C-alpha atoms as a PDB file:
ATOM      1  CA  MET A   1     -18.106 -56.125  23.778  1.00  0.00           C
ATOM      2  CA  GLY A   2     -18.885 -58.024  20.520  1.00  0.00           C
ATOM      3  CA  GLU A   3     -16.553 -58.317  17.840  1.00  0.00           C
ATOM      4  CA  LYS A   4     -18.032 -55.123  15.815  1.00  0.00           C
ATOM      5  CA  ASP A   5     -18.067 -53.051  18.516  1.00  0.00           C
ATOM      6  CA  ASP A   6     -14.182 -53.833  19.264  1.00  0.00           C
ATOM      7  CA  LEU A   7     -13.157 -52.908  15.399  1.00  0.00           C
ATOM      8  CA  TYR A   8     -15.426 -49.950  15.639  1.00  0.00           C
ATOM      9  CA  LEU A   9     -13.629 -48.459  18.729  1.00  0.00           C
ATOM     10  CA  ILE A  10     -10.263 -49.318  17.184  1.00  0.00           C
ATOM     11  CA  GLN A  11     -11.644 -47.652  13.889  1.00  0.00           C
ATOM     12  CA  LEU A  12     -12.475 -44.426  15.798  1.00  0.00           C
ATOM     13  CA  GLU A  13      -9.435 -44.220  17.713  1.00  0.00           C
ATOM     14  CA  SER A  14      -7.289 -44.393  14.689  1.00  0.00           C
ATOM     15  CA  ASN A  15      -9.570 -41.867  13.086  1.00  0.00           C
ATOM     16  CA  LYS A  16     -11.221 -44.131  10.256  1.00  0.00           C
ATOM     17  CA  VAL A  17     -14.613 -43.962  11.607  1.00  0.00           C
ATOM     18  CA  SER A  18     -16.563 -40.573  12.967  1.00  0.00           C
ATOM     19  CA  TRP A  19     -18.047 -40.518  16.120  1.00  0.00           C
ATOM     20  CA  TRP A  20     -21.305 -40.538  14.640  1.00  0.00           C
ATOM     21  CA  GLU A  21     -20.849 -43.366  12.289  1.00  0.00           C
ATOM     22  CA  TYR A  22     -19.511 -45.151  15.602  1.00  0.00           C
ATOM     23  CA  ALA A  23     -22.498 -44.043  17.664  1.00  0.00           C
ATOM     24  CA  ARG A  24     -25.014 -45.525  15.058  1.00  0.00           C
ATOM     25  CA  LYS A  25     -22.998 -49.158  14.843  1.00  0.00           C
ATOM     26  CA  VAL A  26     -22.744 -49.261  18.739  1.00  0.00           C
ATOM     27  CA  ALA A  27     -25.277 -49.567  21.454  1.00  0.00           C
ATOM     28  CA  PRO A  28     -24.670 -46.849  24.253  1.00  0.00           C
ATOM     29  CA  PRO A  29     -24.805 -49.689  27.024  1.00  0.00           C
ATOM     30  CA  LYS A  30     -21.382 -51.012  25.176  1.00  0.00           C
ATOM     31  CA  ARG A  31     -19.493 -47.875  24.710  1.00  0.00           C
ATOM     32  CA  PRO A  32     -16.953 -46.571  26.980  1.00  0.00           C
ATOM     33  CA  ASP A  33     -17.922 -44.074  29.549  1.00  0.00           C
ATOM     34  CA  GLN A  34     -15.651 -41.561  28.072  1.00  0.00           C
ATOM     35  CA  TYR A  35     -17.125 -41.959  24.633  1.00  0.00           C
ATOM     36  CA  LEU A  36     -20.815 -42.254  25.645  1.00  0.00           C
ATOM     37  CA  THR A  37     -22.101 -39.211  24.207  1.00  0.00           C
ATOM     38  CA  TYR A  38     -20.711 -36.765  21.382  1.00  0.00           C
ATOM     39  CA  TRP A  39     -19.861 -34.171  24.107  1.00  0.00           C
ATOM     40  CA  SER A  40     -18.168 -36.544  26.283  1.00  0.00           C
ATOM     41  CA  PHE A  41     -16.418 -37.975  22.905  1.00  0.00           C
ATOM     42  CA  LEU A  42     -15.215 -34.183  22.044  1.00  0.00           C
ATOM     43  CA  LYS A  43     -13.878 -33.623  25.881  1.00  0.00           C
ATOM     44  CA  ASN A  44     -12.100 -36.666  26.161  1.00  0.00           C
ATOM     45  CA  ARG A  45     -10.759 -37.760  22.656  1.00  0.00           C
ATOM     46  CA  GLY A  46      -7.398 -38.667  22.712  1.00  0.00           C
ATOM     47  CA  LYS A  47      -7.649 -39.234  26.699  1.00  0.00           C
ATOM     48  CA  LEU A  48      -8.936 -42.948  26.649  1.00  0.00           C
ATOM     49  CA  PRO A  49      -6.841 -45.094  28.279  1.00  0.00           C
ATOM     50  CA  LYS A  50      -4.809 -46.901  25.733  1.00  0.00           C
ATOM     51  CA  ARG A  51      -5.793 -50.479  28.177  1.00  0.00           C
ATOM     52  CA  ILE A  52      -9.445 -50.052  26.450  1.00  0.00           C
ATOM     53  CA  VAL A  53      -8.320 -50.201  22.897  1.00  0.00           C
ATOM     54  CA  LYS A  54      -5.296 -52.814  23.954  1.00  0.00           C
ATOM     55  CA  GLU A  55      -8.407 -55.120  25.367  1.00  0.00           C
ATOM     56  CA  ALA A  56     -10.258 -54.430  22.235  1.00  0.00           C
ATOM     57  CA  GLU A  57      -7.205 -55.456  19.972  1.00  0.00           C
ATOM     58  CA  TRP A  58      -6.669 -58.692  21.888  1.00  0.00           C
ATOM     59  CA  ARG A  59     -10.088 -59.536  21.940  1.00  0.00           C
ATOM     60  CA  MET A  60     -10.340 -59.554  18.085  1.00  0.00           C
ATOM     61  CA  GLU A  61      -7.451 -61.178  17.812  1.00  0.00           C
ATOM     62  CA  ALA A  62      -8.335 -63.924  20.312  1.00  0.00           C
ATOM     63  CA  ARG A  63     -11.487 -64.591  18.118  1.00  0.00           C
ATOM     64  CA  ARG A  64      -9.703 -64.339  15.130  1.00  0.00           C
ATOM     65  CA  LYS A  65      -7.584 -67.702  16.644  1.00  0.00           C
ATOM     66  CA  GLY A  66     -10.777 -69.168  17.755  1.00  0.00           C
ATOM     67  CA  LEU A  67     -10.328 -68.735  21.848  1.00  0.00           C
ATOM     68  CA  LEU A  68     -13.194 -66.879  22.347  1.00  0.00           C
ATOM     69  CA  ASP A  69     -16.645 -67.729  21.285  1.00  0.00           C
ATOM     70  CA  SER A  70     -18.354 -64.402  21.594  1.00  0.00           C
END
């Protein structure tokens, strides 16, 4: 996932952006399977494994520290 993809996933989980805005910004192949479509998002909202969000946060922190190139 790219930097912006991680940011939008974190914002979606914290209810700062809607799924529709998330879908406009993040390509389907880069979305978690649970949030691939709007209907799957509604079904799985709040059930996304915390590991996925934590990994996104770790990648953002690693990029900020210059440990990741992409």
